[in-house]
Amino acid sequence: MNQRLHAALKEHFGFETFKGNQEAIMSSLLEGNDVFVLMPTGGGKSLCYQLPALMMEGTAIVISPLIALMKNQVDAMRHFSEADHVAHFLNSSLNRAAIDQVKADISAGRTKLLYVAPESLTKEENIEFLKTISISFYAVDEAHCISEWGHDFRPEYRRIRPIINEINVRPMIALTATATPK
């Protein structure tokens, strides 16, 4: 596993070594385990799900709270791979034609990472679509949003697990730099 991870790291991102616990985190996810990641800002959390997504069959579903964050992540992945279809987001900023293109790329197996807001994940149309594709795993980015906001501001965070259970249970990685006692 370690050789495969190091080779993929070099191939896809051009890095020679991992930071901190990245390698152990990715190995655990690749083995099919659920993983909770607490790392400081700038510690390399995103790579912990991006590299496994590139290595695994199917599309990783990344649940992210902010449209701007999704766009930055998709742009970064497209820069590394030079293929626009490797990563997409599905949110309220897209028109019908763009949504159809995203779904076509995913259905064709070209997309390795799909970023969605919790609200997009819970839309019936998206649930039905996600049931038809191969999902490698789920990633909850900024996972502190579940405990900080899930019960008030964004109740869709409380629906993540039931929706995943409905779509297709796969491994989950939750990542945050914020760990309050709550």
N, C-alpha and C. Protein backbone atom coordinates (compact mmCIF):
# COMPACT_ATOMS: atom_id res chain seq x y z
N MET A 1 0.83 -1.19 0.00
CA MET A 1 0.00 0.00 0.00
C MET A 1 0.87 1.26 0.00
N ASN A 2 1.93 1.26 0.83
CA ASN A 2 2.76 2.45 0.94
C ASN A 2 3.41 2.82 -0.39
N GLN A 3 3.92 1.83 -1.11
CA GLN A 3 4.55 2.11 -2.40
C GLN A 3 3.55 2.65 -3.39
N ARG A 4 2.36 2.06 -3.37
CA ARG A 4 1.30 2.52 -4.28
C ARG A 4 0.90 3.96 -3.97
N LEU A 5 0.77 4.28 -2.68
CA LEU A 5 0.43 5.65 -2.28
C LEU A 5 1.52 6.64 -2.68
N HIS A 6 2.76 6.29 -2.43
CA HIS A 6 3.87 7.19 -2.77
C HIS A 6 3.96 7.41 -4.28
N ALA A 7 3.76 6.35 -5.05
CA ALA A 7 3.79 6.47 -6.51
C ALA A 7 2.65 7.37 -7.00
N ALA A 8 1.47 7.19 -6.43
CA ALA A 8 0.32 8.02 -6.83
C ALA A 8 0.53 9.47 -6.41
N LEU A 9 1.10 9.70 -5.24
CA LEU A 9 1.38 11.06 -4.77
C LEU A 9 2.30 11.77 -5.76
N LYS A 10 3.35 11.09 -6.17
CA LYS A 10 4.31 11.67 -7.13
C LYS A 10 3.65 11.90 -8.49
N GLU A 11 2.90 10.89 -8.96
CA GLU A 11 2.26 10.97 -10.28
C GLU A 11 1.24 12.09 -10.37
N HIS A 12 0.36 12.18 -9.39
CA HIS A 12 -0.76 13.11 -9.49
C HIS A 12 -0.46 14.51 -8.96
N PHE A 13 0.40 14.61 -7.95
CA PHE A 13 0.63 15.91 -7.31
C PHE A 13 2.08 16.37 -7.35
N GLY A 14 2.99 15.48 -7.73
CA GLY A 14 4.40 15.85 -7.84
C GLY A 14 5.14 15.93 -6.51
N PHE A 15 4.52 15.45 -5.43
CA PHE A 15 5.16 15.49 -4.11
C PHE A 15 5.93 14.20 -3.85
N GLU A 16 7.00 14.32 -3.09
CA GLU A 16 7.82 13.16 -2.73
C GLU A 16 7.40 12.53 -1.41
N THR A 17 6.90 13.37 -0.48
CA THR A 17 6.57 12.86 0.86
C THR A 17 5.22 13.39 1.32
N PHE A 18 4.68 12.69 2.30
CA PHE A 18 3.43 13.09 2.93
C PHE A 18 3.72 13.99 4.12
N LYS A 19 2.72 14.77 4.52
CA LYS A 19 2.80 15.59 5.73
C LYS A 19 2.14 14.85 6.88
N GLY A 20 2.71 14.94 8.06
CA GLY A 20 2.07 14.43 9.27
C GLY A 20 1.51 13.03 9.10
N ASN A 21 0.22 12.88 9.39
CA ASN A 21 -0.45 11.58 9.34
C ASN A 21 -1.17 11.29 8.03
N GLN A 22 -0.89 12.08 6.99
CA GLN A 22 -1.60 11.89 5.73
C GLN A 22 -1.55 10.45 5.22
N GLU A 23 -0.37 9.85 5.24
CA GLU A 23 -0.22 8.50 4.69
C GLU A 23 -1.08 7.49 5.46
N ALA A 24 -1.07 7.56 6.78
CA ALA A 24 -1.87 6.64 7.59
C ALA A 24 -3.36 6.87 7.35
N ILE A 25 -3.76 8.12 7.22
CA ILE A 25 -5.17 8.45 6.97
C ILE A 25 -5.62 7.87 5.64
N MET A 26 -4.82 8.10 4.60
CA MET A 26 -5.17 7.60 3.27
C MET A 26 -5.18 6.09 3.23
N SER A 27 -4.21 5.46 3.87
CA SER A 27 -4.17 3.99 3.90
C SER A 27 -5.42 3.43 4.54
N SER A 28 -5.86 4.05 5.63
CA SER A 28 -7.06 3.58 6.32
C SER A 28 -8.30 3.73 5.43
N LEU A 29 -8.41 4.86 4.76
CA LEU A 29 -9.54 5.08 3.85
C LEU A 29 -9.50 4.07 2.70
N LEU A 30 -8.33 3.87 2.12
CA LEU A 30 -8.20 2.92 1.01
C LEU A 30 -8.51 1.49 1.44
N GLU A 31 -8.33 1.19 2.73
CA GLU A 31 -8.68 -0.13 3.26
C GLU A 31 -10.17 -0.27 3.53
N GLY A 32 -10.93 0.82 3.31
CA GLY A 32 -12.39 0.76 3.48
C GLY A 32 -12.89 1.19 4.84
N ASN A 33 -12.05 1.84 5.62
CA ASN A 33 -12.44 2.29 6.96
C ASN A 33 -13.01 3.71 6.93
N ASP A 34 -13.87 3.99 7.90
CA ASP A 34 -14.28 5.37 8.15
C ASP A 34 -13.13 6.04 8.89
N VAL A 35 -12.91 7.34 8.60
CA VAL A 35 -11.78 8.05 9.18
C VAL A 35 -12.22 9.45 9.61
N PHE A 36 -11.76 9.86 10.79
CA PHE A 36 -11.96 11.24 11.25
C PHE A 36 -10.60 11.92 11.26
N VAL A 37 -10.51 13.09 10.63
CA VAL A 37 -9.24 13.80 10.49
C VAL A 37 -9.35 15.17 11.15
N LEU A 38 -8.47 15.40 12.11
CA LEU A 38 -8.34 16.70 12.75
C LEU A 38 -6.92 17.17 12.48
N MET A 39 -6.82 18.20 11.64
CA MET A 39 -5.51 18.75 11.27
C MET A 39 -5.62 20.27 11.27
N PRO A 40 -4.51 20.94 11.54
CA PRO A 40 -4.55 22.40 11.50
C PRO A 40 -4.77 22.91 10.08
N THR A 41 -5.24 24.12 9.95
CA THR A 41 -5.37 24.76 8.65
C THR A 41 -4.01 24.73 7.97
N GLY A 42 -3.99 24.32 6.71
CA GLY A 42 -2.74 24.21 5.98
C GLY A 42 -2.02 22.90 6.20
N GLY A 43 -2.64 21.98 6.94
CA GLY A 43 -2.01 20.70 7.25
C GLY A 43 -2.13 19.64 6.17
N GLY A 44 -2.90 19.93 5.13
CA GLY A 44 -3.04 18.98 4.03
C GLY A 44 -4.24 18.07 4.11
N LYS A 45 -5.33 18.58 4.68
CA LYS A 45 -6.55 17.76 4.81
C LYS A 45 -7.10 17.34 3.45
N SER A 46 -7.17 18.28 2.52
CA SER A 46 -7.79 17.99 1.22
C SER A 46 -7.12 16.84 0.50
N LEU A 47 -5.81 16.77 0.58
CA LEU A 47 -5.08 15.69 -0.08
C LEU A 47 -5.49 14.33 0.48
N CYS A 48 -5.92 14.29 1.74
CA CYS A 48 -6.31 13.04 2.39
C CYS A 48 -7.50 12.38 1.71
N TYR A 49 -8.33 13.15 1.00
CA TYR A 49 -9.41 12.54 0.23
C TYR A 49 -9.19 12.64 -1.27
N GLN A 50 -8.43 13.64 -1.72
CA GLN A 50 -8.22 13.81 -3.15
C GLN A 50 -7.41 12.66 -3.75
N LEU A 51 -6.30 12.31 -3.11
CA LEU A 51 -5.46 11.24 -3.65
C LEU A 51 -6.18 9.89 -3.64
N PRO A 52 -6.82 9.49 -2.53
CA PRO A 52 -7.58 8.23 -2.58
C PRO A 52 -8.67 8.24 -3.66
N ALA A 53 -9.30 9.38 -3.87
CA ALA A 53 -10.34 9.46 -4.92
C ALA A 53 -9.75 9.15 -6.29
N LEU A 54 -8.55 9.65 -6.55
CA LEU A 54 -7.90 9.39 -7.83
C LEU A 54 -7.47 7.94 -7.97
N MET A 55 -7.23 7.29 -6.86
CA MET A 55 -6.74 5.91 -6.87
C MET A 55 -7.86 4.87 -6.91
N MET A 56 -9.05 5.24 -6.47
CA MET A 56 -10.13 4.27 -6.32
C MET A 56 -11.09 4.29 -7.50
N GLU A 57 -11.79 3.19 -7.67
CA GLU A 57 -12.85 3.13 -8.67
C GLU A 57 -14.03 3.97 -8.21
N GLY A 58 -14.71 4.60 -9.12
CA GLY A 58 -15.90 5.37 -8.80
C GLY A 58 -15.61 6.83 -8.51
N THR A 59 -16.63 7.51 -8.03
CA THR A 59 -16.57 8.94 -7.74
C THR A 59 -16.70 9.16 -6.25
N ALA A 60 -15.81 9.98 -5.70
CA ALA A 60 -15.91 10.37 -4.28
C ALA A 60 -16.87 11.54 -4.18
N ILE A 61 -17.78 11.49 -3.24
CA ILE A 61 -18.73 12.56 -3.00
C ILE A 61 -18.20 13.39 -1.84
N VAL A 62 -17.88 14.66 -2.11
CA VAL A 62 -17.31 15.55 -1.11
C VAL A 62 -18.37 16.56 -0.69
N ILE A 63 -18.78 16.51 0.55
CA ILE A 63 -19.81 17.41 1.08
C ILE A 63 -19.09 18.61 1.69
N SER A 64 -19.36 19.77 1.13
CA SER A 64 -18.63 20.98 1.49
C SER A 64 -19.62 22.12 1.73
N PRO A 65 -19.36 22.98 2.71
CA PRO A 65 -20.35 23.99 3.08
C PRO A 65 -20.42 25.24 2.20
N LEU A 66 -19.37 25.53 1.44
CA LEU A 66 -19.31 26.81 0.74
C LEU A 66 -19.07 26.63 -0.76
N ILE A 67 -19.85 27.34 -1.57
CA ILE A 67 -19.69 27.28 -3.02
C ILE A 67 -18.30 27.74 -3.43
N ALA A 68 -17.79 28.81 -2.82
CA ALA A 68 -16.46 29.31 -3.16
C ALA A 68 -15.38 28.27 -2.86
N LEU A 69 -15.52 27.56 -1.75
CA LEU A 69 -14.56 26.52 -1.39
C LEU A 69 -14.61 25.38 -2.40
N MET A 70 -15.81 25.00 -2.81
CA MET A 70 -15.96 23.95 -3.83
C MET A 70 -15.26 24.34 -5.12
N LYS A 71 -15.50 25.57 -5.56
CA LYS A 71 -14.90 26.05 -6.80
C LYS A 71 -13.38 26.04 -6.71
N ASN A 72 -12.82 26.49 -5.59
CA ASN A 72 -11.37 26.48 -5.41
C ASN A 72 -10.81 25.06 -5.48
N GLN A 73 -11.50 24.12 -4.82
CA GLN A 73 -11.04 22.73 -4.81
C GLN A 73 -11.10 22.12 -6.21
N VAL A 74 -12.19 22.38 -6.92
CA VAL A 74 -12.33 21.85 -8.29
C VAL A 74 -11.26 22.45 -9.20
N ASP A 75 -11.06 23.76 -9.10
CA ASP A 75 -10.03 24.40 -9.92
C ASP A 75 -8.65 23.82 -9.64
N ALA A 76 -8.34 23.58 -8.36
CA ALA A 76 -7.04 23.01 -8.00
C ALA A 76 -6.87 21.61 -8.58
N MET A 77 -7.91 20.78 -8.48
CA MET A 77 -7.82 19.42 -9.02
C MET A 77 -7.66 19.45 -10.54
N ARG A 78 -8.36 20.34 -11.19
CA ARG A 78 -8.25 20.43 -12.65
C ARG A 78 -6.85 20.90 -13.05
N HIS A 79 -6.24 21.73 -12.23
CA HIS A 79 -4.87 22.19 -12.50
C HIS A 79 -3.90 21.02 -12.42
N PHE A 80 -4.03 20.17 -11.41
CA PHE A 80 -3.12 19.04 -11.25
C PHE A 80 -3.33 18.00 -12.34
N SER A 81 -4.57 17.75 -12.74
CA SER A 81 -4.83 16.68 -13.70
C SER A 81 -4.90 17.18 -15.13
N GLU A 82 -5.14 18.46 -15.32
CA GLU A 82 -5.31 19.07 -16.64
C GLU A 82 -6.50 18.47 -17.40
N ALA A 83 -7.44 17.89 -16.67
CA ALA A 83 -8.66 17.36 -17.28
C ALA A 83 -9.84 17.96 -16.53
N ASP A 84 -10.67 18.72 -17.22
CA ASP A 84 -11.78 19.40 -16.57
C ASP A 84 -12.79 18.45 -15.94
N HIS A 85 -12.92 17.27 -16.48
CA HIS A 85 -13.94 16.34 -15.98
C HIS A 85 -13.52 15.59 -14.72
N VAL A 86 -12.26 15.70 -14.27
CA VAL A 86 -11.79 14.95 -13.09
C VAL A 86 -12.53 15.36 -11.83
N ALA A 87 -12.93 16.63 -11.75
CA ALA A 87 -13.65 17.13 -10.56
C ALA A 87 -14.74 18.09 -10.99
N HIS A 88 -15.86 17.98 -10.31
CA HIS A 88 -17.00 18.86 -10.58
C HIS A 88 -17.64 19.25 -9.26
N PHE A 89 -18.46 20.28 -9.32
CA PHE A 89 -19.35 20.57 -8.20
C PHE A 89 -20.76 20.60 -8.72
N LEU A 90 -21.68 20.33 -7.82
CA LEU A 90 -23.10 20.32 -8.13
C LEU A 90 -23.77 21.16 -7.06
N ASN A 91 -24.16 22.37 -7.44
CA ASN A 91 -24.80 23.26 -6.46
C ASN A 91 -25.70 24.26 -7.17
N SER A 92 -26.25 25.17 -6.41
CA SER A 92 -27.25 26.11 -6.92
C SER A 92 -26.68 27.13 -7.90
N SER A 93 -25.37 27.19 -8.08
CA SER A 93 -24.78 28.15 -9.01
C SER A 93 -24.84 27.67 -10.46
N LEU A 94 -25.21 26.41 -10.67
CA LEU A 94 -25.21 25.83 -12.02
C LEU A 94 -26.58 25.90 -12.67
N ASN A 95 -26.59 26.13 -13.99
CA ASN A 95 -27.84 26.06 -14.76
C ASN A 95 -28.08 24.62 -15.20
N ARG A 96 -29.20 24.36 -15.81
CA ARG A 96 -29.59 22.99 -16.18
C ARG A 96 -28.59 22.36 -17.13
N ALA A 97 -28.08 23.10 -18.12
CA ALA A 97 -27.12 22.54 -19.06
C ALA A 97 -25.83 22.12 -18.35
N ALA A 98 -25.37 22.93 -17.42
CA ALA A 98 -24.15 22.60 -16.66
C ALA A 98 -24.38 21.38 -15.78
N ILE A 99 -25.54 21.30 -15.15
CA ILE A 99 -25.87 20.13 -14.32
C ILE A 99 -25.88 18.86 -15.17
N ASP A 100 -26.48 18.95 -16.36
CA ASP A 100 -26.53 17.79 -17.25
C ASP A 100 -25.13 17.35 -17.67
N GLN A 101 -24.22 18.32 -17.91
CA GLN A 101 -22.84 17.98 -18.29
C GLN A 101 -22.11 17.30 -17.14
N VAL A 102 -22.30 17.82 -15.93
CA VAL A 102 -21.69 17.21 -14.75
C VAL A 102 -22.16 15.76 -14.62
N LYS A 103 -23.44 15.56 -14.72
CA LYS A 103 -23.98 14.21 -14.58
C LYS A 103 -23.52 13.28 -15.69
N ALA A 104 -23.37 13.81 -16.90
CA ALA A 104 -22.87 13.00 -18.02
C ALA A 104 -21.43 12.56 -17.77
N ASP A 105 -20.59 13.48 -17.28
CA ASP A 105 -19.19 13.13 -16.97
C ASP A 105 -19.11 12.09 -15.87
N ILE A 106 -19.94 12.23 -14.86
CA ILE A 106 -19.95 11.27 -13.75
C ILE A 106 -20.42 9.90 -14.25
N SER A 107 -21.51 9.90 -15.00
CA SER A 107 -22.06 8.63 -15.51
C SER A 107 -21.07 7.91 -16.43
N ALA A 108 -20.26 8.67 -17.14
CA ALA A 108 -19.27 8.09 -18.04
C ALA A 108 -18.02 7.62 -17.30
N GLY A 109 -17.97 7.87 -15.99
CA GLY A 109 -16.83 7.42 -15.19
C GLY A 109 -15.61 8.32 -15.28
N ARG A 110 -15.77 9.52 -15.80
CA ARG A 110 -14.64 10.44 -15.95
C ARG A 110 -14.36 11.28 -14.72
N THR A 111 -15.34 11.41 -13.83
CA THR A 111 -15.23 12.30 -12.67
C THR A 111 -14.85 11.50 -11.43
N LYS A 112 -13.76 11.91 -10.77
CA LYS A 112 -13.29 11.24 -9.57
C LYS A 112 -13.75 11.91 -8.29
N LEU A 113 -14.07 13.22 -8.36
CA LEU A 113 -14.51 13.98 -7.19
C LEU A 113 -15.72 14.82 -7.55
N LEU A 114 -16.78 14.67 -6.78
CA LEU A 114 -17.97 15.50 -6.94
C LEU A 114 -18.21 16.24 -5.64
N TYR A 115 -18.14 17.56 -5.69
CA TYR A 115 -18.35 18.41 -4.52
C TYR A 115 -19.82 18.84 -4.50
N VAL A 116 -20.46 18.64 -3.35
CA VAL A 116 -21.87 19.04 -3.20
C VAL A 116 -22.05 19.74 -1.86
N ALA A 117 -22.96 20.68 -1.84
CA ALA A 117 -23.39 21.27 -0.58
C ALA A 117 -24.36 20.30 0.08
N PRO A 118 -24.52 20.37 1.39
CA PRO A 118 -25.50 19.48 2.04
C PRO A 118 -26.89 19.61 1.43
N GLU A 119 -27.25 20.82 1.05
CA GLU A 119 -28.57 21.05 0.45
C GLU A 119 -28.70 20.33 -0.90
N SER A 120 -27.61 20.30 -1.68
CA SER A 120 -27.63 19.59 -2.96
C SER A 120 -27.70 18.09 -2.75
N LEU A 121 -27.01 17.59 -1.74
CA LEU A 121 -27.03 16.16 -1.45
C LEU A 121 -28.44 15.70 -1.11
N THR A 122 -29.22 16.53 -0.46
CA THR A 122 -30.53 16.11 0.01
C THR A 122 -31.65 16.33 -1.01
N LYS A 123 -31.34 16.91 -2.17
CA LYS A 123 -32.36 17.08 -3.22
C LYS A 123 -32.72 15.72 -3.81
N GLU A 124 -33.99 15.45 -3.93
CA GLU A 124 -34.46 14.14 -4.40
C GLU A 124 -33.87 13.79 -5.78
N GLU A 125 -33.80 14.76 -6.67
CA GLU A 125 -33.24 14.52 -8.01
C GLU A 125 -31.79 14.04 -7.90
N ASN A 126 -31.01 14.63 -7.01
CA ASN A 126 -29.62 14.24 -6.85
C ASN A 126 -29.48 12.89 -6.15
N ILE A 127 -30.34 12.64 -5.19
CA ILE A 127 -30.33 11.33 -4.52
C ILE A 127 -30.56 10.23 -5.55
N GLU A 128 -31.57 10.40 -6.38
CA GLU A 128 -31.88 9.39 -7.39
C GLU A 128 -30.72 9.21 -8.37
N PHE A 129 -30.07 10.31 -8.76
CA PHE A 129 -28.91 10.20 -9.65
C PHE A 129 -27.76 9.46 -8.97
N LEU A 130 -27.44 9.84 -7.74
CA LEU A 130 -26.31 9.23 -7.03
C LEU A 130 -26.52 7.73 -6.80
N LYS A 131 -27.76 7.29 -6.74
CA LYS A 131 -28.04 5.86 -6.59
C LYS A 131 -27.59 5.07 -7.82
N THR A 132 -27.43 5.76 -8.96
CA THR A 132 -27.11 5.08 -10.22
C THR A 132 -25.62 5.02 -10.53
N ILE A 133 -24.79 5.65 -9.70
CA ILE A 133 -23.36 5.71 -10.01
C ILE A 133 -22.53 4.89 -9.01
N SER A 134 -21.29 4.66 -9.37
CA SER A 134 -20.35 3.98 -8.49
C SER A 134 -19.69 5.03 -7.59
N ILE A 135 -19.88 4.91 -6.29
CA ILE A 135 -19.32 5.86 -5.33
C ILE A 135 -18.17 5.17 -4.60
N SER A 136 -17.01 5.84 -4.59
CA SER A 136 -15.84 5.26 -3.91
C SER A 136 -15.92 5.48 -2.40
N PHE A 137 -16.27 6.71 -1.99
CA PHE A 137 -16.42 7.04 -0.58
C PHE A 137 -17.06 8.43 -0.48
N TYR A 138 -17.39 8.80 0.74
CA TYR A 138 -17.92 10.13 1.03
C TYR A 138 -16.91 10.88 1.89
N ALA A 139 -16.75 12.16 1.62
CA ALA A 139 -15.90 13.02 2.44
C ALA A 139 -16.75 14.18 2.94
N VAL A 140 -16.67 14.45 4.23
CA VAL A 140 -17.35 15.62 4.80
C VAL A 140 -16.26 16.61 5.16
N ASP A 141 -16.12 17.63 4.31
CA ASP A 141 -15.11 18.66 4.55
C ASP A 141 -15.70 19.68 5.51
N GLU A 142 -14.86 20.25 6.34
CA GLU A 142 -15.31 21.18 7.37
C GLU A 142 -16.37 20.51 8.26
N ALA A 143 -16.04 19.32 8.73
CA ALA A 143 -16.99 18.48 9.46
C ALA A 143 -17.52 19.11 10.74
N HIS A 144 -16.83 20.12 11.26
CA HIS A 144 -17.34 20.79 12.46
C HIS A 144 -18.68 21.45 12.21
N CYS A 145 -19.03 21.68 10.95
CA CYS A 145 -20.32 22.28 10.63
C CYS A 145 -21.49 21.42 11.12
N ILE A 146 -21.27 20.11 11.21
CA ILE A 146 -22.33 19.23 11.68
C ILE A 146 -22.70 19.55 13.12
N SER A 147 -21.71 19.67 13.98
CA SER A 147 -21.99 19.94 15.39
C SER A 147 -22.23 21.41 15.67
N GLU A 148 -21.62 22.28 14.88
CA GLU A 148 -21.75 23.71 15.12
C GLU A 148 -23.05 24.28 14.57
N TRP A 149 -23.45 23.82 13.38
CA TRP A 149 -24.59 24.43 12.69
C TRP A 149 -25.73 23.48 12.39
N GLY A 150 -25.46 22.19 12.40
CA GLY A 150 -26.41 21.21 11.89
C GLY A 150 -27.79 21.27 12.47
N HIS A 151 -27.91 21.68 13.71
CA HIS A 151 -29.22 21.67 14.35
C HIS A 151 -29.99 22.97 14.14
N ASP A 152 -29.34 24.03 13.70
CA ASP A 152 -30.00 25.33 13.55
C ASP A 152 -29.89 25.85 12.13
N PHE A 153 -28.73 26.36 11.82
CA PHE A 153 -28.52 27.12 10.60
C PHE A 153 -28.70 26.29 9.33
N ARG A 154 -28.16 25.07 9.31
CA ARG A 154 -28.22 24.22 8.12
C ARG A 154 -28.65 22.81 8.53
N PRO A 155 -29.94 22.62 8.67
CA PRO A 155 -30.43 21.32 9.14
C PRO A 155 -30.10 20.16 8.21
N GLU A 156 -29.73 20.45 6.95
CA GLU A 156 -29.37 19.38 6.02
C GLU A 156 -28.15 18.59 6.51
N TYR A 157 -27.32 19.23 7.34
CA TYR A 157 -26.17 18.50 7.89
C TYR A 157 -26.63 17.30 8.72
N ARG A 158 -27.77 17.41 9.37
CA ARG A 158 -28.29 16.31 10.19
C ARG A 158 -28.82 15.16 9.32
N ARG A 159 -29.02 15.46 8.04
CA ARG A 159 -29.58 14.43 7.14
C ARG A 159 -28.51 13.69 6.35
N ILE A 160 -27.24 14.05 6.53
CA ILE A 160 -26.19 13.44 5.73
C ILE A 160 -26.18 11.92 5.87
N ARG A 161 -26.12 11.39 7.08
CA ARG A 161 -26.06 9.94 7.26
C ARG A 161 -27.30 9.24 6.72
N PRO A 162 -28.52 9.69 7.03
CA PRO A 162 -29.69 9.01 6.45
C PRO A 162 -29.70 9.04 4.92
N ILE A 163 -29.25 10.12 4.32
CA ILE A 163 -29.21 10.21 2.85
C ILE A 163 -28.17 9.23 2.30
N ILE A 164 -27.00 9.19 2.92
CA ILE A 164 -25.97 8.25 2.49
C ILE A 164 -26.48 6.82 2.62
N ASN A 165 -27.17 6.52 3.70
CA ASN A 165 -27.74 5.18 3.88
C ASN A 165 -28.71 4.85 2.75
N GLU A 166 -29.43 5.87 2.28
CA GLU A 166 -30.39 5.67 1.19
C GLU A 166 -29.69 5.49 -0.16
N ILE A 167 -28.63 6.23 -0.38
CA ILE A 167 -27.93 6.20 -1.67
C ILE A 167 -27.12 4.92 -1.80
N ASN A 168 -26.11 4.79 -0.95
CA ASN A 168 -25.22 3.62 -0.99
C ASN A 168 -24.17 3.82 0.10
N VAL A 169 -24.15 2.95 1.08
CA VAL A 169 -23.20 3.08 2.18
C VAL A 169 -21.81 2.73 1.66
N ARG A 170 -20.91 3.65 1.84
CA ARG A 170 -19.51 3.50 1.46
C ARG A 170 -18.69 4.09 2.61
N PRO A 171 -17.38 3.92 2.60
CA PRO A 171 -16.57 4.54 3.66
C PRO A 171 -16.74 6.06 3.69
N MET A 172 -16.51 6.62 4.88
CA MET A 172 -16.64 8.07 5.04
C MET A 172 -15.40 8.62 5.72
N ILE A 173 -14.96 9.77 5.24
CA ILE A 173 -13.89 10.50 5.87
C ILE A 173 -14.43 11.88 6.23
N ALA A 174 -14.28 12.27 7.47
CA ALA A 174 -14.72 13.59 7.94
C ALA A 174 -13.47 14.37 8.34
N LEU A 175 -13.38 15.62 7.87
CA LEU A 175 -12.17 16.40 8.08
C LEU A 175 -12.50 17.78 8.62
N THR A 176 -11.68 18.25 9.56
CA THR A 176 -11.87 19.59 10.12
C THR A 176 -10.57 20.08 10.76
N ALA A 177 -10.49 21.39 10.88
CA ALA A 177 -9.40 22.01 11.64
C ALA A 177 -9.94 22.57 12.95
N THR A 178 -11.24 22.44 13.14
CA THR A 178 -11.91 23.00 14.31
C THR A 178 -12.46 21.89 15.18
N ALA A 179 -11.98 21.78 16.40
CA ALA A 179 -12.48 20.74 17.30
C ALA A 179 -12.82 21.37 18.64
N THR A 180 -14.03 21.84 18.74
CA THR A 180 -14.51 22.38 20.01
C THR A 180 -15.01 21.23 20.86
N PRO A 181 -15.19 21.43 22.16
CA PRO A 181 -15.74 20.34 22.99
C PRO A 181 -17.07 19.82 22.46
N LYS A 182 -17.88 20.70 21.88
CA LYS A 182 -19.17 20.28 21.32
C LYS A 182 -18.96 19.33 20.16
